[in-house]
Amino acid sequence: MKIFSLALAAAALVAVPAFAQKDTGDRLTAATDVLTAMMNASDKGVPQDLLNKAQCVVVIPNLKKGGFIVGAEYGKGFFTCRKASGVGWSAPGAIRISGGKFGLLIGGAETDVLMLVMNQTGMEHLLSDKFQIGGEASAAAGPIGRDASAMTDAELHAEILTYSRQRGIFGGLDLSGAAVTEDHDGNKALYGHDISNKEIATGEVHTPAEARHFVHTLDRLSSRK
């Protein structure tokens, strides 16, 4: 009986990384779908010229309200930053987001979130272990449409522009107060070892097979060639 219990425990230890990898792969697939949908939403999507100016892009599919953490919002996603050359995007790093206003969330429905990090200071916040949107990093609900000609002064000077998609409706999203933290477990599941988001964002880390479609999609949407 004792031997059987030990065998079950060993099997569980082997299975956990496999489940984590599958979960990470599924989330990357969902993030790629969100990115494609929000950029291709005709005249109601994310302005192309803002994506072209962005330093980094963050995608959080299926952010939950009042689910994982009682009375709060919670989600996991990925980011990628432009390589130093300005051409192409880095391998993705994993992040978590929790708390905040999430003003446009309807009831307990899930919401897809996209964030554009617009400058070097915003990128430095993103690559830290933890920062608060609207606190350490200035943020604004991003404008929608084919171009950004109607941007307000707040949007022009924000480090991060935030967008949402819920039940097929696109729009800006107030994420003030939300905490963004590095997802160490997500990175370990994706890369097979401990690695920080700062290391990943150098552009020198090899993109894992599960993440290639996500990165290639951004290359296609905005490569600055």
Protein backbone atom coordinates (compact mmCIF):
# COMPACT_ATOMS: atom_id res chain seq x y z
CA MET A 1 0.00 0.00 0.00
CA LYS A 2 2.83 2.35 0.89
CA ILE A 3 4.58 1.56 -2.40
CA PHE A 4 1.32 2.24 -4.28
CA SER A 5 0.95 5.63 -2.53
CA LEU A 6 4.51 6.58 -3.41
CA ALA A 7 3.86 5.61 -7.03
CA LEU A 8 0.77 7.83 -7.14
CA ALA A 9 2.71 10.74 -5.65
CA ALA A 10 5.49 10.31 -8.21
CA ALA A 11 2.96 10.19 -11.04
CA ALA A 12 1.36 13.39 -9.76
CA LEU A 13 4.72 15.18 -9.72
CA VAL A 14 5.31 14.18 -13.33
CA ALA A 15 1.80 15.20 -14.38
CA VAL A 16 1.83 18.70 -12.87
CA PRO A 17 4.41 20.17 -15.31
CA ALA A 18 2.57 18.54 -18.22
CA PHE A 19 -0.74 20.10 -17.16
CA ALA A 20 0.99 23.47 -16.64
CA GLN A 21 2.50 23.33 -20.12
CA LYS A 22 -0.86 22.47 -21.68
CA ASP A 23 -2.55 25.30 -19.79
CA THR A 24 0.16 27.73 -20.94
CA GLY A 25 -0.17 26.58 -24.56
CA ASP A 26 -3.96 26.99 -24.47
CA ARG A 27 -3.61 30.48 -23.00
CA LEU A 28 -1.13 31.47 -25.72
CA THR A 29 -3.57 30.25 -28.37
CA ALA A 30 -6.36 32.28 -26.75
CA ALA A 31 -4.09 35.36 -26.54
CA THR A 32 -3.29 35.07 -30.25
CA ASP A 33 -7.00 34.88 -31.09
CA VAL A 34 -7.71 37.96 -28.95
CA LEU A 35 -4.90 39.93 -30.56
CA THR A 36 -6.08 39.09 -34.07
CA ALA A 37 -9.72 39.90 -33.30
CA MET A 38 -9.01 43.24 -31.61
CA MET A 39 -6.71 44.44 -34.38
CA ASN A 40 -9.03 43.33 -37.18
CA ALA A 41 -12.29 44.70 -35.77
CA SER A 42 -12.94 46.97 -38.77
CA ASP A 43 -13.32 50.59 -37.65
CA LYS A 44 -13.92 49.62 -34.00
CA GLY A 45 -10.60 47.96 -33.23
CA VAL A 46 -7.27 49.13 -31.85
CA PRO A 47 -5.74 51.88 -34.03
CA GLN A 48 -2.98 50.50 -36.23
CA ASP A 49 -0.76 53.54 -35.78
CA LEU A 50 -0.77 53.07 -32.01
CA LEU A 51 0.28 49.44 -32.34
CA ASN A 52 3.08 50.56 -34.66
CA LYS A 53 4.34 52.97 -31.98
CA ALA A 54 4.03 50.56 -29.05
CA GLN A 55 7.14 49.26 -27.29
CA CYS A 56 5.40 46.21 -25.84
CA VAL A 57 2.03 44.48 -26.17
CA VAL A 58 0.23 42.65 -23.35
CA VAL A 59 -2.69 40.27 -23.97
CA ILE A 60 -4.78 38.80 -21.15
CA PRO A 61 -7.50 36.45 -22.44
CA ASN A 62 -10.55 35.63 -20.31
CA LEU A 63 -9.93 37.96 -17.40
CA LYS A 64 -12.40 36.92 -14.70
CA LYS A 65 -14.43 39.12 -12.38
CA GLY A 66 -15.07 37.74 -8.89
CA GLY A 67 -13.91 34.27 -9.89
CA PHE A 68 -10.46 33.06 -8.96
CA ILE A 69 -10.08 35.58 -6.14
CA VAL A 70 -13.34 36.35 -4.32
CA GLY A 71 -14.39 39.95 -4.78
CA ALA A 72 -11.60 40.80 -7.19
CA GLU A 73 -10.58 40.48 -10.82
CA TYR A 74 -7.88 38.09 -11.90
CA GLY A 75 -6.23 37.02 -15.11
CA LYS A 76 -3.09 35.58 -16.65
CA GLY A 77 -1.56 36.51 -19.97
CA PHE A 78 1.57 37.27 -21.94
CA PHE A 79 3.57 40.21 -23.19
CA THR A 80 6.16 40.69 -25.89
CA CYS A 81 8.40 43.70 -26.59
CA ARG A 82 10.06 44.94 -29.74
CA LYS A 83 13.62 43.80 -30.27
CA ALA A 84 16.36 46.38 -29.89
CA SER A 85 16.65 46.64 -33.69
CA GLY A 86 13.00 47.73 -33.83
CA VAL A 87 12.22 44.86 -36.20
CA GLY A 88 10.38 41.86 -34.81
CA TRP A 89 9.19 40.93 -31.33
CA SER A 90 10.76 39.12 -28.40
CA ALA A 91 9.71 35.75 -27.05
CA PRO A 92 6.72 36.19 -24.70
CA GLY A 93 6.86 36.55 -20.94
CA ALA A 94 4.06 35.56 -18.56
CA ILE A 95 2.22 38.00 -16.27
CA ARG A 96 -0.69 38.08 -13.83
CA ILE A 97 -3.14 40.92 -13.21
CA SER A 98 -5.42 41.38 -10.22
CA GLY A 99 -7.56 44.00 -8.50
CA GLY A 100 -8.44 47.38 -10.00
CA LYS A 101 -11.66 49.02 -11.18
CA PHE A 102 -12.33 47.15 -14.41
CA GLY A 103 -15.11 49.67 -14.92
CA LEU A 104 -16.62 48.24 -18.09
CA LEU A 105 -16.92 44.64 -16.92
CA ILE A 106 -20.51 43.42 -17.03
CA GLY A 107 -21.45 41.20 -14.08
CA GLY A 108 -19.32 38.08 -13.90
CA ALA A 109 -18.59 37.88 -17.63
CA GLU A 110 -15.06 37.22 -18.82
CA THR A 111 -13.25 40.02 -20.62
CA ASP A 112 -10.29 39.95 -22.98
CA VAL A 113 -7.74 42.67 -22.25
CA LEU A 114 -5.05 44.16 -24.49
CA MET A 115 -2.50 46.72 -23.32
CA LEU A 116 -0.14 48.80 -25.42
CA VAL A 117 3.00 49.93 -23.60
CA MET A 118 3.90 53.13 -25.38
CA ASN A 119 7.36 54.17 -24.12
CA GLN A 120 10.55 53.08 -22.40
CA THR A 121 9.35 54.05 -18.93
CA GLY A 122 6.22 51.93 -19.33
CA MET A 123 8.39 49.05 -20.53
CA GLU A 124 10.60 49.33 -17.44
CA HIS A 125 7.51 49.09 -15.22
CA LEU A 126 6.28 46.08 -17.17
CA LEU A 127 9.59 44.27 -16.73
CA SER A 128 9.69 44.87 -12.98
CA ASP A 129 8.46 42.14 -10.63
CA LYS A 130 5.32 44.14 -9.80
CA PHE A 131 3.73 47.50 -10.59
CA GLN A 132 0.36 49.19 -10.28
CA ILE A 133 -1.50 50.58 -13.27
CA GLY A 134 -2.35 54.19 -12.61
CA GLY A 135 0.14 54.19 -9.74
CA GLU A 136 3.73 53.62 -10.80
CA ALA A 137 2.66 53.52 -14.46
CA SER A 138 0.30 56.10 -15.96
CA ALA A 139 -2.50 54.57 -18.00
CA ALA A 140 -5.58 55.52 -19.99
CA ALA A 141 -8.42 53.73 -21.73
CA GLY A 142 -7.23 53.64 -25.33
CA PRO A 143 -9.11 55.17 -28.24
CA ILE A 144 -10.66 52.89 -30.85
CA GLY A 145 -10.94 53.32 -34.62
CA ARG A 146 -8.73 53.14 -37.65
CA ASP A 147 -6.33 55.82 -36.41
CA ALA A 148 -5.54 57.73 -33.24
CA SER A 149 -6.31 61.23 -34.50
CA ALA A 150 -8.97 61.74 -31.81
CA MET A 151 -6.68 60.97 -28.86
CA THR A 152 -7.06 63.12 -25.77
CA ASP A 153 -4.15 64.73 -23.96
CA ALA A 154 -4.31 62.02 -21.27
CA GLU A 155 -4.09 59.30 -23.88
CA LEU A 156 -1.20 61.01 -25.65
CA HIS A 157 0.90 61.07 -22.48
CA ALA A 158 -0.07 57.71 -20.99
CA GLU A 159 2.59 55.04 -20.62
CA ILE A 160 -0.01 52.30 -21.13
CA LEU A 161 -3.18 52.28 -23.24
CA THR A 162 -5.77 49.66 -22.30
CA TYR A 163 -8.49 47.94 -24.33
CA SER A 164 -11.18 45.34 -23.74
CA ARG A 165 -13.41 42.93 -25.62
CA GLN A 166 -16.48 41.57 -23.89
CA ARG A 167 -19.34 39.76 -25.58
CA GLY A 168 -18.12 41.01 -28.94
CA ILE A 169 -18.01 44.67 -27.85
CA PHE A 170 -14.69 46.51 -28.16
CA GLY A 171 -13.66 49.57 -26.20
CA GLY A 172 -11.23 51.26 -23.86
CA LEU A 173 -11.00 49.90 -20.31
CA ASP A 174 -10.14 51.61 -17.03
CA LEU A 175 -7.60 49.39 -15.26
CA SER A 176 -6.63 51.92 -12.59
CA GLY A 177 -5.43 50.26 -9.43
CA ALA A 178 -4.78 46.87 -11.01
CA ALA A 179 -1.57 45.15 -9.95
CA VAL A 180 0.56 43.50 -12.63
CA THR A 181 3.05 40.90 -11.44
CA GLU A 182 5.51 38.57 -13.09
CA ASP A 183 4.10 35.04 -13.46
CA HIS A 184 7.11 32.94 -12.47
CA ASP A 185 5.20 29.66 -12.77
CA GLY A 186 3.97 30.57 -16.25
CA ASN A 187 7.49 31.32 -17.44
CA LYS A 188 8.81 28.09 -15.94
CA ALA A 189 6.06 26.09 -17.65
CA LEU A 190 6.82 27.76 -21.00
CA TYR A 191 10.63 27.70 -20.89
CA GLY A 192 11.27 24.67 -18.68
CA HIS A 193 13.34 26.61 -16.15
CA ASP A 194 13.29 29.76 -14.03
CA ILE A 195 13.67 32.86 -16.19
CA SER A 196 12.66 36.48 -15.57
CA ASN A 197 10.62 38.70 -17.87
CA LYS A 198 13.55 41.08 -18.05
CA GLU A 199 15.74 38.29 -19.46
CA ILE A 200 13.05 37.26 -21.93
CA ALA A 201 12.52 40.82 -23.20
CA THR A 202 16.14 41.19 -24.33
CA GLY A 203 15.11 39.56 -27.62
CA GLU A 204 17.91 37.00 -27.31
CA VAL A 205 15.77 34.23 -25.80
CA HIS A 206 14.60 31.54 -28.23
CA THR A 207 10.83 31.55 -28.78
CA PRO A 208 9.32 28.21 -27.67
CA ALA A 209 7.28 26.28 -30.24
CA GLU A 210 4.02 26.95 -28.37
CA ALA A 211 4.61 30.71 -28.59
CA ARG A 212 5.68 31.05 -32.22
CA HIS A 213 2.18 31.70 -33.57
CA PHE A 214 1.66 34.48 -31.02
CA VAL A 215 4.94 36.21 -31.94
CA HIS A 216 4.49 35.64 -35.69
CA THR A 217 1.02 37.18 -35.50
CA LEU A 218 2.49 40.37 -34.05
CA ASP A 219 5.26 40.31 -36.64
CA ARG A 220 2.57 40.24 -39.30
CA LEU A 221 0.48 42.97 -37.68
CA SER A 222 3.34 45.36 -36.89
CA SER A 223 6.93 44.53 -37.73
CA ARG A 224 8.33 48.02 -38.49
CA LYS A 225 10.13 46.68 -41.54
